[in-house]
PDB file of N, CA and C in Angstrom:
ATOM      1  N   MET A   1      29.259   9.406 -30.129  1.00  0.00           N
ATOM      2  CA  MET A   1      28.551   8.330 -30.785  1.00  0.00           C
ATOM      3  C   MET A   1      28.939   6.978 -30.206  1.00  0.00           C
ATOM      4  N   ASP A   2      30.162   6.880 -29.686  1.00  0.00           N
ATOM      5  CA  ASP A   2      30.602   5.603 -29.122  1.00  0.00           C
ATOM      6  C   ASP A   2      29.856   5.275 -27.832  1.00  0.00           C
ATOM      7  N   ILE A   3      29.330   6.296 -27.174  1.00  0.00           N
ATOM      8  CA  ILE A   3      28.612   6.057 -25.922  1.00  0.00           C
ATOM      9  C   ILE A   3      27.339   5.261 -26.149  1.00  0.00           C
ATOM     10  N   LEU A   4      26.784   5.317 -27.370  1.00  0.00           N
ATOM     11  CA  LEU A   4      25.581   4.549 -27.679  1.00  0.00           C
ATOM     12  C   LEU A   4      25.828   3.048 -27.568  1.00  0.00           C
ATOM     13  N   PHE A   5      27.044   2.603 -27.825  1.00  0.00           N
ATOM     14  CA  PHE A   5      27.369   1.185 -27.703  1.00  0.00           C
ATOM     15  C   PHE A   5      27.308   0.722 -26.245  1.00  0.00           C
ATOM     16  N   LEU A   6      27.386   1.644 -25.339  1.00  0.00           N
ATOM     17  CA  LEU A   6      27.249   1.326 -23.926  1.00  0.00           C
ATOM     18  C   LEU A   6      25.820   1.558 -23.440  1.00  0.00           C
ATOM     19  N   LEU A   7      25.211   2.667 -23.844  1.00  0.00           N
ATOM     20  CA  LEU A   7      23.905   3.041 -23.323  1.00  0.00           C
ATOM     21  C   LEU A   7      22.765   2.159 -23.845  1.00  0.00           C
ATOM     22  N   VAL A   8      22.820   1.757 -25.088  1.00  0.00           N
ATOM     23  CA  VAL A   8      21.747   0.925 -25.648  1.00  0.00           C
ATOM     24  C   VAL A   8      21.684  -0.437 -24.955  1.00  0.00           C
ATOM     25  N   PRO A   9      22.791  -1.169 -24.830  1.00  0.00           N
ATOM     26  CA  PRO A   9      22.693  -2.441 -24.104  1.00  0.00           C
ATOM     27  C   PRO A   9      22.305  -2.266 -22.630  1.00  0.00           C
ATOM     28  N   LEU A  10      22.783  -1.208 -21.985  1.00  0.00           N
ATOM     29  CA  LEU A  10      22.399  -0.970 -20.597  1.00  0.00           C
ATOM     30  C   LEU A  10      20.908  -0.681 -20.473  1.00  0.00           C
ATOM     31  N   SER A  11      20.365   0.071 -21.397  1.00  0.00           N
ATOM     32  CA  SER A  11      18.926   0.366 -21.344  1.00  0.00           C
ATOM     33  C   SER A  11      18.102  -0.888 -21.630  1.00  0.00           C
ATOM     34  N   VAL A  12      18.584  -1.746 -22.512  1.00  0.00           N
ATOM     35  CA  VAL A  12      17.885  -3.007 -22.773  1.00  0.00           C
ATOM     36  C   VAL A  12      17.924  -3.893 -21.527  1.00  0.00           C
ATOM     37  N   LEU A  13      19.067  -3.969 -20.859  1.00  0.00           N
ATOM     38  CA  LEU A  13      19.170  -4.760 -19.629  1.00  0.00           C
ATOM     39  C   LEU A  13      18.271  -4.189 -18.535  1.00  0.00           C
ATOM     40  N   LEU A  14      18.215  -2.895 -18.420  1.00  0.00           N
ATOM     41  CA  LEU A  14      17.353  -2.264 -17.430  1.00  0.00           C
ATOM     42  C   LEU A  14      15.883  -2.564 -17.721  1.00  0.00           C
ATOM     43  N   ALA A  15      15.486  -2.466 -18.983  1.00  0.00           N
ATOM     44  CA  ALA A  15      14.097  -2.762 -19.358  1.00  0.00           C
ATOM     45  C   ALA A  15      13.759  -4.223 -19.074  1.00  0.00           C
ATOM     46  N   LEU A  16      14.677  -5.136 -19.376  1.00  0.00           N
ATOM     47  CA  LEU A  16      14.446  -6.550 -19.088  1.00  0.00           C
ATOM     48  C   LEU A  16      14.362  -6.803 -17.585  1.00  0.00           C
ATOM     49  N   GLY A  17      15.171  -6.103 -16.812  1.00  0.00           N
ATOM     50  CA  GLY A  17      15.110  -6.236 -15.362  1.00  0.00           C
ATOM     51  C   GLY A  17      13.780  -5.757 -14.793  1.00  0.00           C
ATOM     52  N   VAL A  18      13.297  -4.631 -15.286  1.00  0.00           N
ATOM     53  CA  VAL A  18      12.009  -4.100 -14.829  1.00  0.00           C
ATOM     54  C   VAL A  18      10.880  -5.050 -15.212  1.00  0.00           C
ATOM     55  N   MET A  19      10.917  -5.576 -16.425  1.00  0.00           N
ATOM     56  CA  MET A  19       9.884  -6.528 -16.836  1.00  0.00           C
ATOM     57  C   MET A  19       9.965  -7.810 -16.017  1.00  0.00           C
ATOM     58  N   GLY A  20      11.164  -8.251 -15.663  1.00  0.00           N
ATOM     59  CA  GLY A  20      11.313  -9.438 -14.832  1.00  0.00           C
ATOM     60  C   GLY A  20      10.751  -9.233 -13.438  1.00  0.00           C
ATOM     61  N   VAL A  21      11.005  -8.073 -12.847  1.00  0.00           N
ATOM     62  CA  VAL A  21      10.467  -7.778 -11.513  1.00  0.00           C
ATOM     63  C   VAL A  21       8.950  -7.684 -11.566  1.00  0.00           C
ATOM     64  N   LEU A  22       8.405  -7.072 -12.602  1.00  0.00           N
ATOM     65  CA  LEU A  22       6.965  -6.974 -12.747  1.00  0.00           C
ATOM     66  C   LEU A  22       6.349  -8.365 -12.928  1.00  0.00           C
ATOM     67  N   ALA A  23       6.977  -9.206 -13.751  1.00  0.00           N
ATOM     68  CA  ALA A  23       6.477 -10.575 -13.954  1.00  0.00           C
ATOM     69  C   ALA A  23       6.518 -11.352 -12.646  1.00  0.00           C
ATOM     70  N   TRP A  24       7.596 -11.206 -11.869  1.00  0.00           N
ATOM     71  CA  TRP A  24       7.673 -11.890 -10.583  1.00  0.00           C
ATOM     72  C   TRP A  24       6.557 -11.432  -9.652  1.00  0.00           C
ATOM     73  N   ALA A  25       6.289 -10.125  -9.622  1.00  0.00           N
ATOM     74  CA  ALA A  25       5.255  -9.593  -8.750  1.00  0.00           C
ATOM     75  C   ALA A  25       3.874 -10.118  -9.134  1.00  0.00           C
ATOM     76  N   VAL A  26       3.612 -10.216 -10.429  1.00  0.00           N
ATOM     77  CA  VAL A  26       2.318 -10.712 -10.885  1.00  0.00           C
ATOM     78  C   VAL A  26       2.178 -12.191 -10.556  1.00  0.00           C
ATOM     79  N   TRP A  27       3.194 -12.978 -10.832  1.00  0.00           N
ATOM     80  CA  TRP A  27       3.112 -14.434 -10.629  1.00  0.00           C
ATOM     81  C   TRP A  27       3.177 -14.828  -9.156  1.00  0.00           C
ATOM     82  N   SER A  28       3.727 -13.991  -8.303  1.00  0.00           N
ATOM     83  CA  SER A  28       3.805 -14.351  -6.893  1.00  0.00           C
ATOM     84  C   SER A  28       2.586 -13.861  -6.106  1.00  0.00           C
ATOM     85  N   GLY A  29       1.630 -13.223  -6.770  1.00  0.00           N
ATOM     86  CA  GLY A  29       0.393 -12.829  -6.106  1.00  0.00           C
ATOM     87  C   GLY A  29       0.438 -11.478  -5.438  1.00  0.00           C
ATOM     88  N   GLN A  30       1.342 -10.611  -5.809  1.00  0.00           N
ATOM     89  CA  GLN A  30       1.435  -9.298  -5.180  1.00  0.00           C
ATOM     90  C   GLN A  30       0.250  -8.402  -5.532  1.00  0.00           C
ATOM     91  N   PHE A  31      -0.435  -8.681  -6.632  1.00  0.00           N
ATOM     92  CA  PHE A  31      -1.540  -7.837  -7.060  1.00  0.00           C
ATOM     93  C   PHE A  31      -2.891  -8.495  -6.833  1.00  0.00           C
ATOM     94  N   GLU A  32      -2.959  -9.498  -5.974  1.00  0.00           N
ATOM     95  CA  GLU A  32      -4.221 -10.162  -5.658  1.00  0.00           C
ATOM     96  C   GLU A  32      -4.928  -9.399  -4.545  1.00  0.00           C
ATOM     97  N   ALA A  33      -6.219  -9.319  -4.602  1.00  0.00           N
ATOM     98  CA  ALA A  33      -7.070  -8.731  -3.563  1.00  0.00           C
ATOM     99  C   ALA A  33      -6.644  -7.318  -3.192  1.00  0.00           C
ATOM    100  N   LEU A  34      -6.561  -6.460  -4.176  1.00  0.00           N
ATOM    101  CA  LEU A  34      -6.152  -5.079  -3.912  1.00  0.00           C
ATOM    102  C   LEU A  34      -7.202  -4.311  -3.118  1.00  0.00           C
ATOM    103  N   ASP A  35      -8.489  -4.618  -3.325  1.00  0.00           N
ATOM    104  CA  ASP A  35      -9.541  -3.898  -2.603  1.00  0.00           C
ATOM    105  C   ASP A  35      -9.522  -4.223  -1.121  1.00  0.00           C
ATOM    106  N   SER A  36      -9.298  -5.472  -0.775  1.00  0.00           N
ATOM    107  CA  SER A  36      -9.325  -5.834   0.642  1.00  0.00           C
ATOM    108  C   SER A  36      -8.133  -5.231   1.388  1.00  0.00           C
ATOM    109  N   GLU A  37      -7.006  -5.066   0.745  1.00  0.00           N
ATOM    110  CA  GLU A  37      -5.859  -4.446   1.408  1.00  0.00           C
ATOM    111  C   GLU A  37      -6.110  -2.968   1.673  1.00  0.00           C
ATOM    112  N   GLY A  38      -6.823  -2.309   0.790  1.00  0.00           N
ATOM    113  CA  GLY A  38      -7.156  -0.911   1.024  1.00  0.00           C
ATOM    114  C   GLY A  38      -8.159  -0.733   2.152  1.00  0.00           C
ATOM    115  N   GLN A  39      -9.035  -1.714   2.342  1.00  0.00           N
ATOM    116  CA  GLN A  39     -10.029  -1.644   3.409  1.00  0.00           C
ATOM    117  C   GLN A  39      -9.474  -2.158   4.726  1.00  0.00           C
ATOM    118  N   ARG A  40      -8.464  -3.007   4.694  1.00  0.00           N
ATOM    119  CA  ARG A  40      -7.914  -3.612   5.904  1.00  0.00           C
ATOM    120  C   ARG A  40      -7.337  -2.559   6.845  1.00  0.00           C
ATOM    121  N   ILE A  41      -6.769  -1.498   6.302  1.00  0.00           N
ATOM    122  CA  ILE A  41      -6.158  -0.474   7.139  1.00  0.00           C
ATOM    123  C   ILE A  41      -7.214   0.302   7.930  1.00  0.00           C
ATOM    124  N   LEU A  42      -8.460   0.297   7.456  1.00  0.00           N
ATOM    125  CA  LEU A  42      -9.520   1.036   8.141  1.00  0.00           C
ATOM    126  C   LEU A  42     -10.183   0.228   9.250  1.00  0.00           C
ATOM    127  N   MET A  43      -9.984  -1.086   9.278  1.00  0.00           N
ATOM    128  CA  MET A  43     -10.619  -1.941  10.273  1.00  0.00           C
ATOM    129  C   MET A  43      -9.752  -2.048  11.522  1.00  0.00           C
ATOM    130  N   PRO A  44     -10.376  -2.043  12.706  1.00  0.00           N
ATOM    131  CA  PRO A  44      -9.580  -2.208  13.929  1.00  0.00           C
ATOM    132  C   PRO A  44      -9.038  -3.623  14.033  1.00  0.00           C
ATOM    133  N   GLY A  45      -7.875  -3.751  14.621  1.00  0.00           N
ATOM    134  CA  GLY A  45      -7.249  -5.045  14.804  1.00  0.00           C
ATOM    135  C   GLY A  45      -7.858  -5.797  15.967  1.00  0.00           C
ATOM    136  N   PRO A  46      -7.362  -6.990  16.273  1.00  0.00           N
ATOM    137  CA  PRO A  46      -7.947  -7.784  17.352  1.00  0.00           C
ATOM    138  C   PRO A  46      -7.745  -7.170  18.740  1.00  0.00           C
ATOM    139  N   ASP A  47      -6.714  -6.353  18.918  1.00  0.00           N
ATOM    140  CA  ASP A  47      -6.465  -5.743  20.224  1.00  0.00           C
ATOM    141  C   ASP A  47      -6.875  -4.273  20.278  1.00  0.00           C
ATOM    142  N   GLU A  48      -7.648  -3.828  19.312  1.00  0.00           N
ATOM    143  CA  GLU A  48      -8.091  -2.439  19.258  1.00  0.00           C
ATOM    144  C   GLU A  48      -9.606  -2.365  19.422  1.00  0.00           C
ATOM    145  N   THR A  49     -10.068  -1.260  19.938  1.00  0.00           N
ATOM    146  CA  THR A  49     -11.503  -1.020  20.036  1.00  0.00           C
ATOM    147  C   THR A  49     -11.833   0.240  19.260  1.00  0.00           C
ATOM    148  N   ALA A  50     -12.953   0.213  18.574  1.00  0.00           N
ATOM    149  CA  ALA A  50     -13.383   1.372  17.803  1.00  0.00           C
ATOM    150  C   ALA A  50     -14.533   2.048  18.536  1.00  0.00           C
ATOM    151  N   VAL A  51     -14.468   3.354  18.665  1.00  0.00           N
ATOM    152  CA  VAL A  51     -15.493   4.135  19.358  1.00  0.00           C
ATOM    153  C   VAL A  51     -16.065   5.126  18.364  1.00  0.00           C
ATOM    154  N   LEU A  52     -17.368   5.096  18.202  1.00  0.00           N
ATOM    155  CA  LEU A  52     -18.047   6.034  17.318  1.00  0.00           C
ATOM    156  C   LEU A  52     -18.525   7.207  18.150  1.00  0.00           C
ATOM    157  N   THR A  53     -17.905   8.376  17.975  1.00  0.00           N
ATOM    158  CA  THR A  53     -18.244   9.536  18.794  1.00  0.00           C
ATOM    159  C   THR A  53     -19.219  10.471  18.089  1.00  0.00           C
ATOM    160  N   GLU A  54     -19.051  10.660  16.826  1.00  0.00           N
ATOM    161  CA  GLU A  54     -19.936  11.505  16.038  1.00  0.00           C
ATOM    162  C   GLU A  54     -20.250  10.740  14.762  1.00  0.00           C
ATOM    163  N   PRO A  55     -21.320  11.084  14.094  1.00  0.00           N
ATOM    164  CA  PRO A  55     -21.626  10.370  12.849  1.00  0.00           C
ATOM    165  C   PRO A  55     -20.457  10.476  11.860  1.00  0.00           C
ATOM    166  N   GLY A  56     -19.931   9.332  11.485  1.00  0.00           N
ATOM    167  CA  GLY A  56     -18.848   9.294  10.515  1.00  0.00           C
ATOM    168  C   GLY A  56     -17.469   9.491  11.097  1.00  0.00           C
ATOM    169  N   LEU A  57     -17.333   9.663  12.424  1.00  0.00           N
ATOM    170  CA  LEU A  57     -16.029   9.900  13.032  1.00  0.00           C
ATOM    171  C   LEU A  57     -15.727   8.744  13.989  1.00  0.00           C
ATOM    172  N   ILE A  58     -14.686   7.989  13.712  1.00  0.00           N
ATOM    173  CA  ILE A  58     -14.329   6.825  14.517  1.00  0.00           C
ATOM    174  C   ILE A  58     -12.974   7.056  15.154  1.00  0.00           C
ATOM    175  N   HIS A  59     -12.891   6.846  16.471  1.00  0.00           N
ATOM    176  CA  HIS A  59     -11.628   6.915  17.192  1.00  0.00           C
ATOM    177  C   HIS A  59     -11.240   5.502  17.570  1.00  0.00           C
ATOM    178  N   ILE A  60     -10.012   5.130  17.334  1.00  0.00           N
ATOM    179  CA  ILE A  60      -9.528   3.799  17.672  1.00  0.00           C
ATOM    180  C   ILE A  60      -8.596   3.920  18.868  1.00  0.00           C
ATOM    181  N   ASN A  61      -8.831   3.076  19.887  1.00  0.00           N
ATOM    182  CA  ASN A  61      -8.034   3.036  21.112  1.00  0.00           C
ATOM    183  C   ASN A  61      -8.065   4.351  21.873  1.00  0.00           C
ATOM    184  N   THR A  62      -9.193   5.004  21.887  1.00  0.00           N
ATOM    185  CA  THR A  62      -9.331   6.225  22.677  1.00  0.00           C
ATOM    186  C   THR A  62     -10.481   6.029  23.642  1.00  0.00           C
ATOM    187  N   PRO A  63     -10.395   6.625  24.819  1.00  0.00           N
ATOM    188  CA  PRO A  63     -11.510   6.497  25.761  1.00  0.00           C
ATOM    189  C   PRO A  63     -12.732   7.241  25.244  1.00  0.00           C
ATOM    190  N   ASN A  64     -13.891   6.715  25.573  1.00  0.00           N
ATOM    191  CA  ASN A  64     -15.136   7.334  25.135  1.00  0.00           C
ATOM    192  C   ASN A  64     -15.457   8.494  26.067  1.00  0.00           C
ATOM    193  N   THR A  65     -15.273   9.702  25.601  1.00  0.00           N
ATOM    194  CA  THR A  65     -15.568  10.890  26.399  1.00  0.00           C
ATOM    195  C   THR A  65     -16.657  11.683  25.714  1.00  0.00           C
ATOM    196  N   ASP A  66     -17.461  12.340  26.511  1.00  0.00           N
ATOM    197  CA  ASP A  66     -18.517  13.171  25.980  1.00  0.00           C
ATOM    198  C   ASP A  66     -18.122  14.630  25.903  1.00  0.00           C
ATOM    199  N   ARG A  67     -16.867  14.938  26.300  1.00  0.00           N
ATOM    200  CA  ARG A  67     -16.396  16.317  26.267  1.00  0.00           C
ATOM    201  C   ARG A  67     -16.028  16.723  24.844  1.00  0.00           C
ATOM    202  N   LEU A  68     -16.219  17.988  24.570  1.00  0.00           N
ATOM    203  CA  LEU A  68     -15.792  18.532  23.280  1.00  0.00           C
ATOM    204  C   LEU A  68     -14.352  19.001  23.399  1.00  0.00           C
ATOM    205  N   HIS A  69     -13.589  18.809  22.380  1.00  0.00           N
ATOM    206  CA  HIS A  69     -12.207  19.268  22.388  1.00  0.00           C
ATOM    207  C   HIS A  69     -12.165  20.758  22.130  1.00  0.00           C
ATOM    208  N   SER A  70     -11.358  21.472  22.883  1.00  0.00           N
ATOM    209  CA  SER A  70     -11.278  22.926  22.695  1.00  0.00           C
ATOM    210  C   SER A  70     -10.100  23.283  21.830  1.00  0.00           C
TER     211      SER A  70
END
């Protein structure tokens, strides 16, 4: 039963720490423009070229070949 005197304050401090980190993330803009970040990974960068080989299949930084892979 004496362990509760240690565990309860530690759990309260942990909860306050988690809420503080979440508040910092929200106020510093970490959750802004979530859709554009998900789409950004699919777009080629300035030094990359995208090649459309088949409908719906895009190769980035690969030579355009008409050969089929075996």
